All heavy atoms as atom14 arrays in JSON, in Angstrom:
{
  "sequence": "AQIPTDGQWDDAELELMLFEFKAGLERYLARHDAPVKTLSQLIGY",
  "atom14_mask": [
    [1, 1, 1, 1, 1, 0, 0, 0, 0, 0, 0, 0, 0, 0],
    [1, 1, 1, 1, 1, 1, 1, 1, 1, 0, 0, 0, 0, 0],
    [1, 1, 1, 1, 1, 1, 1, 1, 0, 0, 0, 0, 0, 0],
    [1, 1, 1, 1, 1, 1, 1, 0, 0, 0, 0, 0, 0, 0],
    [1, 1, 1, 1, 1, 1, 1, 0, 0, 0, 0, 0, 0, 0],
    [1, 1, 1, 1, 1, 1, 1, 1, 0, 0, 0, 0, 0, 0],
    [1, 1, 1, 1, 0, 0, 0, 0, 0, 0, 0, 0, 0, 0],
    [1, 1, 1, 1, 1, 1, 1, 1, 1, 0, 0, 0, 0, 0],
    [1, 1, 1, 1, 1, 1, 1, 1, 1, 1, 1, 1, 1, 1],
    [1, 1, 1, 1, 1, 1, 1, 1, 0, 0, 0, 0, 0, 0],
    [1, 1, 1, 1, 1, 1, 1, 1, 0, 0, 0, 0, 0, 0],
    [1, 1, 1, 1, 1, 0, 0, 0, 0, 0, 0, 0, 0, 0],
    [1, 1, 1, 1, 1, 1, 1, 1, 1, 0, 0, 0, 0, 0],
    [1, 1, 1, 1, 1, 1, 1, 1, 0, 0, 0, 0, 0, 0],
    [1, 1, 1, 1, 1, 1, 1, 1, 1, 0, 0, 0, 0, 0],
    [1, 1, 1, 1, 1, 1, 1, 1, 0, 0, 0, 0, 0, 0],
    [1, 1, 1, 1, 1, 1, 1, 1, 0, 0, 0, 0, 0, 0],
    [1, 1, 1, 1, 1, 1, 1, 1, 0, 0, 0, 0, 0, 0],
    [1, 1, 1, 1, 1, 1, 1, 1, 1, 1, 1, 0, 0, 0],
    [1, 1, 1, 1, 1, 1, 1, 1, 1, 0, 0, 0, 0, 0],
    [1, 1, 1, 1, 1, 1, 1, 1, 1, 1, 1, 0, 0, 0],
    [1, 1, 1, 1, 1, 1, 1, 1, 1, 0, 0, 0, 0, 0],
    [1, 1, 1, 1, 1, 0, 0, 0, 0, 0, 0, 0, 0, 0],
    [1, 1, 1, 1, 0, 0, 0, 0, 0, 0, 0, 0, 0, 0],
    [1, 1, 1, 1, 1, 1, 1, 1, 0, 0, 0, 0, 0, 0],
    [1, 1, 1, 1, 1, 1, 1, 1, 1, 0, 0, 0, 0, 0],
    [1, 1, 1, 1, 1, 1, 1, 1, 1, 1, 1, 0, 0, 0],
    [1, 1, 1, 1, 1, 1, 1, 1, 1, 1, 1, 1, 0, 0],
    [1, 1, 1, 1, 1, 1, 1, 1, 0, 0, 0, 0, 0, 0],
    [1, 1, 1, 1, 1, 0, 0, 0, 0, 0, 0, 0, 0, 0],
    [1, 1, 1, 1, 1, 1, 1, 1, 1, 1, 1, 0, 0, 0],
    [1, 1, 1, 1, 1, 1, 1, 1, 1, 1, 0, 0, 0, 0],
    [1, 1, 1, 1, 1, 1, 1, 1, 0, 0, 0, 0, 0, 0],
    [1, 1, 1, 1, 1, 0, 0, 0, 0, 0, 0, 0, 0, 0],
    [1, 1, 1, 1, 1, 1, 1, 0, 0, 0, 0, 0, 0, 0],
    [1, 1, 1, 1, 1, 1, 1, 0, 0, 0, 0, 0, 0, 0],
    [1, 1, 1, 1, 1, 1, 1, 1, 1, 0, 0, 0, 0, 0],
    [1, 1, 1, 1, 1, 1, 1, 0, 0, 0, 0, 0, 0, 0],
    [1, 1, 1, 1, 1, 1, 1, 1, 0, 0, 0, 0, 0, 0],
    [1, 1, 1, 1, 1, 1, 0, 0, 0, 0, 0, 0, 0, 0],
    [1, 1, 1, 1, 1, 1, 1, 1, 1, 0, 0, 0, 0, 0],
    [1, 1, 1, 1, 1, 1, 1, 1, 0, 0, 0, 0, 0, 0],
    [1, 1, 1, 1, 1, 1, 1, 1, 0, 0, 0, 0, 0, 0],
    [1, 1, 1, 1, 0, 0, 0, 0, 0, 0, 0, 0, 0, 0],
    [1, 1, 1, 1, 1, 1, 1, 1, 1, 1, 1, 1, 0, 0]
  ],
  "atom14_positions": [
    [[89.0, 125.39, 114.8], [90.45, 125.19, 114.93], [90.98, 124.54, 113.66], [90.23, 123.94, 112.88], [90.78, 124.33, 116.15], [0.0, 0.0, 0.0], [0.0, 0.0, 0.0], [0.0, 0.0, 0.0], [0.0, 0.0, 0.0], [0.0, 0.0, 0.0], [0.0, 0.0, 0.0], [0.0, 0.0, 0.0], [0.0, 0.0, 0.0], [0.0, 0.0, 0.0]],
    [[92.27, 124.66, 113.46], [92.92, 124.07, 112.28], [94.32, 123.65, 112.66], [95.09, 124.43, 113.22], [92.98, 125.08, 111.13], [93.67, 124.57, 109.89], [92.93, 123.42, 109.21], [91.71, 123.49, 109.06], [93.64, 122.39, 108.82], [0.0, 0.0, 0.0], [0.0, 0.0, 0.0], [0.0, 0.0, 0.0], [0.0, 0.0, 0.0], [0.0, 0.0, 0.0]],
    [[94.66, 122.39, 112.39], [96.02, 121.92, 112.61], [96.89, 122.47, 111.47], [96.67, 122.12, 110.31], [96.07, 120.38, 112.66], [95.28, 119.87, 113.86], [97.52, 119.9, 112.73], [95.17, 118.36, 113.94], [0.0, 0.0, 0.0], [0.0, 0.0, 0.0], [0.0, 0.0, 0.0], [0.0, 0.0, 0.0], [0.0, 0.0, 0.0], [0.0, 0.0, 0.0]],
    [[97.85, 123.31, 111.76], [98.58, 124.0, 110.69], [99.4, 123.06, 109.8], [99.66, 123.4, 108.65], [99.48, 124.98, 111.45], [99.62, 124.41, 112.82], [98.32, 123.73, 113.1], [0.0, 0.0, 0.0], [0.0, 0.0, 0.0], [0.0, 0.0, 0.0], [0.0, 0.0, 0.0], [0.0, 0.0, 0.0], [0.0, 0.0, 0.0], [0.0, 0.0, 0.0]],
    [[99.77, 121.93, 110.34], [100.61, 120.99, 109.58], [99.82, 119.82, 109.02], [100.41, 118.83, 108.57], [101.7, 120.43, 110.51], [101.06, 119.85, 111.67], [102.66, 121.52, 110.97], [0.0, 0.0, 0.0], [0.0, 0.0, 0.0], [0.0, 0.0, 0.0], [0.0, 0.0, 0.0], [0.0, 0.0, 0.0], [0.0, 0.0, 0.0], [0.0, 0.0, 0.0]],
    [[98.5, 119.91, 109.02], [97.64, 118.78, 108.67], [98.05, 118.12, 107.35], [98.14, 118.79, 106.32], [96.19, 119.26, 108.57], [95.21, 118.1, 108.42], [95.51, 117.0, 108.89], [94.14, 118.33, 107.83], [0.0, 0.0, 0.0], [0.0, 0.0, 0.0], [0.0, 0.0, 0.0], [0.0, 0.0, 0.0], [0.0, 0.0, 0.0], [0.0, 0.0, 0.0]],
    [[98.32, 116.83, 107.4], [98.64, 116.06, 106.21], [100.07, 116.16, 105.73], [100.49, 115.37, 104.88], [0.0, 0.0, 0.0], [0.0, 0.0, 0.0], [0.0, 0.0, 0.0], [0.0, 0.0, 0.0], [0.0, 0.0, 0.0], [0.0, 0.0, 0.0], [0.0, 0.0, 0.0], [0.0, 0.0, 0.0], [0.0, 0.0, 0.0], [0.0, 0.0, 0.0]],
    [[100.84, 117.09, 106.29], [102.22, 117.26, 105.83], [103.11, 116.09, 106.25], [104.22, 115.95, 105.75], [102.79, 118.58, 106.37], [102.11, 119.83, 105.83], [102.66, 121.11, 106.44], [103.79, 121.14, 106.94], [101.86, 122.17, 106.42], [0.0, 0.0, 0.0], [0.0, 0.0, 0.0], [0.0, 0.0, 0.0], [0.0, 0.0, 0.0], [0.0, 0.0, 0.0]],
    [[102.61, 115.28, 107.16], [103.4, 114.14, 107.66], [103.16, 112.85, 106.87], [103.77, 111.83, 107.16], [103.05, 113.88, 109.12], [101.57, 113.71, 109.34], [100.78, 112.64, 109.01], [100.7, 114.67, 109.93], [99.48, 112.86, 109.35], [99.39, 114.11, 109.92], [100.87, 115.93, 110.47], [98.27, 114.78, 110.43], [99.75, 116.6, 110.97], [98.49, 116.03, 110.96]],
    [[102.29, 112.84, 105.89], [101.86, 111.6, 105.24], [103.02, 110.79, 104.67], [103.14, 109.58, 104.91], [100.84, 111.9, 104.13], [99.5, 112.36, 104.68], [99.29, 112.24, 105.9], [98.67, 112.85, 103.89], [0.0, 0.0, 0.0], [0.0, 0.0, 0.0], [0.0, 0.0, 0.0], [0.0, 0.0, 0.0], [0.0, 0.0, 0.0], [0.0, 0.0, 0.0]],
    [[103.87, 111.42, 103.88], [104.98, 110.69, 103.26], [105.96, 110.18, 104.31], [106.45, 109.05, 104.22], [105.71, 111.59, 102.25], [104.88, 111.89, 101.02], [103.87, 111.17, 100.78], [105.21, 112.85, 100.3], [0.0, 0.0, 0.0], [0.0, 0.0, 0.0], [0.0, 0.0, 0.0], [0.0, 0.0, 0.0], [0.0, 0.0, 0.0], [0.0, 0.0, 0.0]],
    [[106.24, 111.01, 105.29], [107.17, 110.59, 106.34], [106.6, 109.44, 107.16], [107.33, 108.52, 107.56], [107.5, 111.77, 107.24], [0.0, 0.0, 0.0], [0.0, 0.0, 0.0], [0.0, 0.0, 0.0], [0.0, 0.0, 0.0], [0.0, 0.0, 0.0], [0.0, 0.0, 0.0], [0.0, 0.0, 0.0], [0.0, 0.0, 0.0], [0.0, 0.0, 0.0]],
    [[105.29, 109.47, 107.41], [104.65, 108.39, 108.17], [104.81, 107.06, 107.45], [105.16, 106.04, 108.06], [103.17, 108.68, 108.39], [102.47, 107.57, 109.17], [100.97, 107.66, 109.13], [100.42, 108.36, 108.25], [100.32, 107.0, 109.97], [0.0, 0.0, 0.0], [0.0, 0.0, 0.0], [0.0, 0.0, 0.0], [0.0, 0.0, 0.0], [0.0, 0.0, 0.0]],
    [[104.54, 107.03, 106.15], [104.68, 105.78, 105.39], [106.12, 105.29, 105.42], [106.38, 104.1, 105.6], [104.22, 105.98, 103.95], [104.4, 104.76, 103.03], [103.64, 103.55, 103.57], [103.95, 105.09, 101.6], [0.0, 0.0, 0.0], [0.0, 0.0, 0.0], [0.0, 0.0, 0.0], [0.0, 0.0, 0.0], [0.0, 0.0, 0.0], [0.0, 0.0, 0.0]],
    [[107.06, 106.21, 105.27], [108.47, 105.82, 105.27], [108.86, 105.18, 106.61], [109.49, 104.12, 106.64], [109.34, 107.05, 105.01], [110.83, 106.76, 104.87], [111.23, 106.18, 103.53], [110.33, 105.85, 102.72], [112.44, 106.03, 103.28], [0.0, 0.0, 0.0], [0.0, 0.0, 0.0], [0.0, 0.0, 0.0], [0.0, 0.0, 0.0], [0.0, 0.0, 0.0]],
    [[108.48, 105.79, 107.72], [108.85, 105.23, 109.02], [108.17, 103.88, 109.24], [108.75, 102.96, 109.82], [108.55, 106.2, 110.15], [107.14, 106.36, 110.72], [106.85, 105.33, 111.79], [106.95, 107.75, 111.31], [0.0, 0.0, 0.0], [0.0, 0.0, 0.0], [0.0, 0.0, 0.0], [0.0, 0.0, 0.0], [0.0, 0.0, 0.0], [0.0, 0.0, 0.0]],
    [[106.92, 103.72, 108.76], [106.23, 102.44, 108.94], [106.89, 101.34, 108.12], [106.99, 100.2, 108.58], [104.75, 102.57, 108.57], [103.94, 103.31, 109.62], [102.15, 103.08, 109.42], [101.84, 103.94, 107.89], [0.0, 0.0, 0.0], [0.0, 0.0, 0.0], [0.0, 0.0, 0.0], [0.0, 0.0, 0.0], [0.0, 0.0, 0.0], [0.0, 0.0, 0.0]],
    [[107.34, 101.65, 106.92], [108.01, 100.64, 106.1], [109.27, 100.14, 106.79], [109.55, 98.93, 106.83], [108.33, 101.21, 104.72], [107.13, 101.49, 103.81], [107.57, 102.28, 102.59], [106.44, 100.19, 103.38], [0.0, 0.0, 0.0], [0.0, 0.0, 0.0], [0.0, 0.0, 0.0], [0.0, 0.0, 0.0], [0.0, 0.0, 0.0], [0.0, 0.0, 0.0]],
    [[110.05, 101.05, 107.34], [111.27, 100.66, 108.06], [110.93, 99.87, 109.33], [111.5, 98.81, 109.59], [112.09, 101.9, 108.43], [113.04, 102.35, 107.36], [112.68, 103.37, 106.48], [114.3, 101.79, 107.25], [113.56, 103.82, 105.5], [115.2, 102.23, 106.27], [114.82, 103.23, 105.39], [0.0, 0.0, 0.0], [0.0, 0.0, 0.0], [0.0, 0.0, 0.0]],
    [[110.01, 100.4, 110.13], [109.73, 99.8, 111.42], [109.0, 98.48, 111.3], [109.16, 97.59, 112.15], [108.94, 100.78, 112.29], [109.77, 101.99, 112.7], [109.05, 102.94, 113.63], [107.85, 102.72, 113.91], [109.68, 103.92, 114.09], [0.0, 0.0, 0.0], [0.0, 0.0, 0.0], [0.0, 0.0, 0.0], [0.0, 0.0, 0.0], [0.0, 0.0, 0.0]],
    [[108.2, 98.32, 110.25], [107.49, 97.06, 110.06], [108.46, 95.91, 109.87], [108.37, 94.88, 110.54], [106.54, 97.15, 108.87], [105.82, 95.86, 108.57], [104.86, 95.37, 109.44], [106.12, 95.14, 107.43], [104.2, 94.18, 109.18], [105.47, 93.94, 107.16], [104.5, 93.46, 108.03], [0.0, 0.0, 0.0], [0.0, 0.0, 0.0], [0.0, 0.0, 0.0]],
    [[109.39, 96.09, 108.96], [110.35, 95.01, 108.71], [111.14, 94.68, 109.97], [111.26, 93.5, 110.36], [111.3, 95.4, 107.58], [112.34, 94.32, 107.26], [113.29, 94.77, 106.15], [114.33, 93.69, 105.85], [115.28, 94.14, 104.81], [0.0, 0.0, 0.0], [0.0, 0.0, 0.0], [0.0, 0.0, 0.0], [0.0, 0.0, 0.0], [0.0, 0.0, 0.0]],
    [[111.67, 95.69, 110.64], [112.51, 95.46, 111.82], [111.7, 94.84, 112.95], [112.13, 93.87, 113.59], [113.14, 96.77, 112.28], [0.0, 0.0, 0.0], [0.0, 0.0, 0.0], [0.0, 0.0, 0.0], [0.0, 0.0, 0.0], [0.0, 0.0, 0.0], [0.0, 0.0, 0.0], [0.0, 0.0, 0.0], [0.0, 0.0, 0.0], [0.0, 0.0, 0.0]],
    [[110.53, 95.39, 113.21], [109.72, 94.91, 114.32], [109.14, 93.53, 114.08], [109.11, 92.69, 114.99], [0.0, 0.0, 0.0], [0.0, 0.0, 0.0], [0.0, 0.0, 0.0], [0.0, 0.0, 0.0], [0.0, 0.0, 0.0], [0.0, 0.0, 0.0], [0.0, 0.0, 0.0], [0.0, 0.0, 0.0], [0.0, 0.0, 0.0], [0.0, 0.0, 0.0]],
    [[108.67, 93.28, 112.86], [108.09, 91.97, 112.56], [109.14, 90.87, 112.67], [108.89, 89.82, 113.28], [107.48, 91.99, 111.16], [106.89, 90.65, 110.7], [105.71, 90.26, 111.58], [106.46, 90.73, 109.24], [0.0, 0.0, 0.0], [0.0, 0.0, 0.0], [0.0, 0.0, 0.0], [0.0, 0.0, 0.0], [0.0, 0.0, 0.0], [0.0, 0.0, 0.0]],
    [[110.32, 91.11, 112.09], [111.34, 90.06, 112.13], [111.82, 89.83, 113.57], [112.14, 88.68, 113.94], [112.49, 90.44, 111.21], [112.07, 90.38, 109.74], [113.21, 90.6, 108.76], [114.29, 91.06, 109.19], [113.02, 90.3, 107.56], [0.0, 0.0, 0.0], [0.0, 0.0, 0.0], [0.0, 0.0, 0.0], [0.0, 0.0, 0.0], [0.0, 0.0, 0.0]],
    [[111.84, 90.85, 114.38], [112.19, 90.67, 115.79], [111.13, 89.82, 116.49], [111.47, 88.9, 117.25], [112.31, 92.03, 116.48], [112.67, 91.96, 117.96], [112.91, 93.36, 118.5], [113.3, 93.35, 119.91], [112.43, 93.49, 120.92], [111.13, 93.65, 120.65], [112.85, 93.46, 122.17], [0.0, 0.0, 0.0], [0.0, 0.0, 0.0], [0.0, 0.0, 0.0]],
    [[109.85, 90.12, 116.24], [108.77, 89.33, 116.85], [108.85, 87.87, 116.42], [108.78, 86.95, 117.25], [107.41, 89.92, 116.47], [106.25, 89.05, 116.92], [105.64, 89.24, 118.16], [105.78, 88.01, 116.12], [104.6, 88.44, 118.59], [104.73, 87.19, 116.54], [104.16, 87.41, 117.77], [103.13, 86.58, 118.19], [0.0, 0.0, 0.0], [0.0, 0.0, 0.0]],
    [[108.99, 87.61, 115.12], [109.0, 86.25, 114.59], [110.17, 85.45, 115.17], [110.02, 84.26, 115.52], [109.07, 86.27, 113.07], [107.86, 86.88, 112.35], [108.15, 87.02, 110.86], [106.61, 86.05, 112.58], [0.0, 0.0, 0.0], [0.0, 0.0, 0.0], [0.0, 0.0, 0.0], [0.0, 0.0, 0.0], [0.0, 0.0, 0.0], [0.0, 0.0, 0.0]],
    [[111.34, 86.08, 115.27], [112.51, 85.38, 115.79], [112.37, 85.09, 117.28], [112.65, 83.97, 117.74], [113.77, 86.21, 115.53], [0.0, 0.0, 0.0], [0.0, 0.0, 0.0], [0.0, 0.0, 0.0], [0.0, 0.0, 0.0], [0.0, 0.0, 0.0], [0.0, 0.0, 0.0], [0.0, 0.0, 0.0], [0.0, 0.0, 0.0], [0.0, 0.0, 0.0]],
    [[111.92, 86.08, 118.05], [111.8, 85.9, 119.5], [110.77, 84.85, 119.87], [110.88, 84.18, 120.91], [111.43, 87.23, 120.17], [112.54, 88.25, 120.21], [112.11, 89.48, 120.97], [111.79, 89.15, 122.36], [111.04, 89.92, 123.16], [110.52, 91.04, 122.69], [110.82, 89.58, 124.41], [0.0, 0.0, 0.0], [0.0, 0.0, 0.0], [0.0, 0.0, 0.0]],
    [[109.74, 84.69, 119.04], [108.66, 83.76, 119.35], [108.8, 82.42, 118.63], [107.9, 81.58, 118.68], [107.31, 84.4, 119.0], [106.91, 85.51, 119.92], [107.49, 86.76, 119.87], [106.01, 85.55, 120.93], [106.94, 87.53, 120.8], [106.05, 86.82, 121.44], [0.0, 0.0, 0.0], [0.0, 0.0, 0.0], [0.0, 0.0, 0.0], [0.0, 0.0, 0.0]],
    [[109.95, 82.24, 117.94], [110.21, 80.99, 117.23], [109.05, 80.62, 116.31], [108.56, 79.5, 116.29], [110.47, 79.86, 118.23], [111.1, 78.64, 117.56], [111.76, 78.83, 116.52], [110.93, 77.52, 118.06], [0.0, 0.0, 0.0], [0.0, 0.0, 0.0], [0.0, 0.0, 0.0], [0.0, 0.0, 0.0], [0.0, 0.0, 0.0], [0.0, 0.0, 0.0]],
    [[108.61, 81.61, 115.53], [107.52, 81.4, 114.58], [107.99, 80.53, 113.41], [109.2, 80.42, 113.15], [107.03, 82.75, 114.06], [0.0, 0.0, 0.0], [0.0, 0.0, 0.0], [0.0, 0.0, 0.0], [0.0, 0.0, 0.0], [0.0, 0.0, 0.0], [0.0, 0.0, 0.0], [0.0, 0.0, 0.0], [0.0, 0.0, 0.0], [0.0, 0.0, 0.0]],
    [[107.08, 79.91, 112.69], [107.47, 79.03, 111.57], [108.13, 79.77, 110.41], [108.8, 79.15, 109.6], [106.15, 78.39, 111.14], [105.08, 79.27, 111.69], [105.62, 79.87, 112.93], [0.0, 0.0, 0.0], [0.0, 0.0, 0.0], [0.0, 0.0, 0.0], [0.0, 0.0, 0.0], [0.0, 0.0, 0.0], [0.0, 0.0, 0.0], [0.0, 0.0, 0.0]],
    [[107.91, 81.07, 110.3], [108.66, 81.9, 109.35], [109.39, 82.95, 110.17], [108.9, 83.41, 111.2], [107.75, 82.56, 108.31], [107.22, 81.55, 107.31], [106.58, 83.29, 108.97], [0.0, 0.0, 0.0], [0.0, 0.0, 0.0], [0.0, 0.0, 0.0], [0.0, 0.0, 0.0], [0.0, 0.0, 0.0], [0.0, 0.0, 0.0], [0.0, 0.0, 0.0]],
    [[110.58, 83.34, 109.72], [111.42, 84.22, 110.53], [111.68, 85.58, 109.9], [112.12, 86.5, 110.59], [112.78, 83.53, 110.79], [112.68, 82.2, 111.53], [112.2, 82.38, 112.96], [112.38, 81.12, 113.8], [111.61, 79.97, 113.31], [0.0, 0.0, 0.0], [0.0, 0.0, 0.0], [0.0, 0.0, 0.0], [0.0, 0.0, 0.0], [0.0, 0.0, 0.0]],
    [[111.46, 85.71, 108.6], [111.8, 86.96, 107.93], [110.68, 87.41, 107.02], [109.81, 86.62, 106.61], [113.08, 86.81, 107.09], [112.81, 85.93, 105.98], [114.23, 86.27, 107.92], [0.0, 0.0, 0.0], [0.0, 0.0, 0.0], [0.0, 0.0, 0.0], [0.0, 0.0, 0.0], [0.0, 0.0, 0.0], [0.0, 0.0, 0.0], [0.0, 0.0, 0.0]],
    [[110.7, 88.7, 106.7], [109.73, 89.25, 105.76], [109.92, 88.62, 104.39], [108.94, 88.36, 103.67], [109.87, 90.76, 105.7], [108.86, 91.53, 104.84], [107.42, 91.16, 105.18], [109.09, 93.03, 104.98], [0.0, 0.0, 0.0], [0.0, 0.0, 0.0], [0.0, 0.0, 0.0], [0.0, 0.0, 0.0], [0.0, 0.0, 0.0], [0.0, 0.0, 0.0]],
    [[111.16, 88.34, 104.0], [111.41, 87.67, 102.72], [110.72, 86.31, 102.65], [110.15, 85.94, 101.62], [112.91, 87.5, 102.49], [113.54, 88.75, 102.29], [0.0, 0.0, 0.0], [0.0, 0.0, 0.0], [0.0, 0.0, 0.0], [0.0, 0.0, 0.0], [0.0, 0.0, 0.0], [0.0, 0.0, 0.0], [0.0, 0.0, 0.0], [0.0, 0.0, 0.0]],
    [[110.76, 85.58, 103.76], [110.11, 84.28, 103.79], [108.59, 84.41, 103.68], [107.94, 83.59, 103.02], [110.49, 83.53, 105.08], [111.93, 83.06, 105.1], [112.31, 82.45, 106.44], [111.55, 82.49, 107.41], [113.52, 81.89, 106.51], [0.0, 0.0, 0.0], [0.0, 0.0, 0.0], [0.0, 0.0, 0.0], [0.0, 0.0, 0.0], [0.0, 0.0, 0.0]],
    [[108.03, 85.43, 104.29], [106.59, 85.66, 104.18], [106.2, 86.02, 102.74], [105.18, 85.54, 102.23], [106.15, 86.77, 105.13], [106.03, 86.38, 106.6], [105.82, 87.61, 107.45], [104.89, 85.39, 106.8], [0.0, 0.0, 0.0], [0.0, 0.0, 0.0], [0.0, 0.0, 0.0], [0.0, 0.0, 0.0], [0.0, 0.0, 0.0], [0.0, 0.0, 0.0]],
    [[107.0, 86.85, 102.11], [106.75, 87.19, 100.71], [106.79, 85.93, 99.86], [105.93, 85.71, 98.99], [107.76, 88.24, 100.22], [107.5, 89.59, 100.91], [107.72, 88.4, 98.71], [108.58, 90.62, 100.68], [0.0, 0.0, 0.0], [0.0, 0.0, 0.0], [0.0, 0.0, 0.0], [0.0, 0.0, 0.0], [0.0, 0.0, 0.0], [0.0, 0.0, 0.0]],
    [[107.77, 85.08, 100.11], [107.88, 83.83, 99.38], [106.69, 82.91, 99.63], [106.19, 82.25, 98.71], [0.0, 0.0, 0.0], [0.0, 0.0, 0.0], [0.0, 0.0, 0.0], [0.0, 0.0, 0.0], [0.0, 0.0, 0.0], [0.0, 0.0, 0.0], [0.0, 0.0, 0.0], [0.0, 0.0, 0.0], [0.0, 0.0, 0.0], [0.0, 0.0, 0.0]],
    [[106.22, 82.87, 100.87], [105.05, 82.04, 101.19], [103.84, 82.52, 100.4], [103.1, 81.72, 99.81], [104.76, 82.11, 102.69], [103.57, 81.28, 103.11], [103.73, 79.98, 103.57], [102.27, 81.8, 103.04], [102.63, 79.21, 103.95], [101.17, 81.05, 103.4], [101.36, 79.75, 103.86], [100.27, 78.99, 104.21], [0.0, 0.0, 0.0], [0.0, 0.0, 0.0]]
  ]
}
């Protein structure tokens, strides 16, 4: 068998993860009252 679209999703997958990581992480940190609240603060740390 062969997946006809194999690997064609690679760039799109990275793009969606970059967007969703920032949004999801900051939501988690804020809801749980973590010591850092934003991705910018983590980069700074």
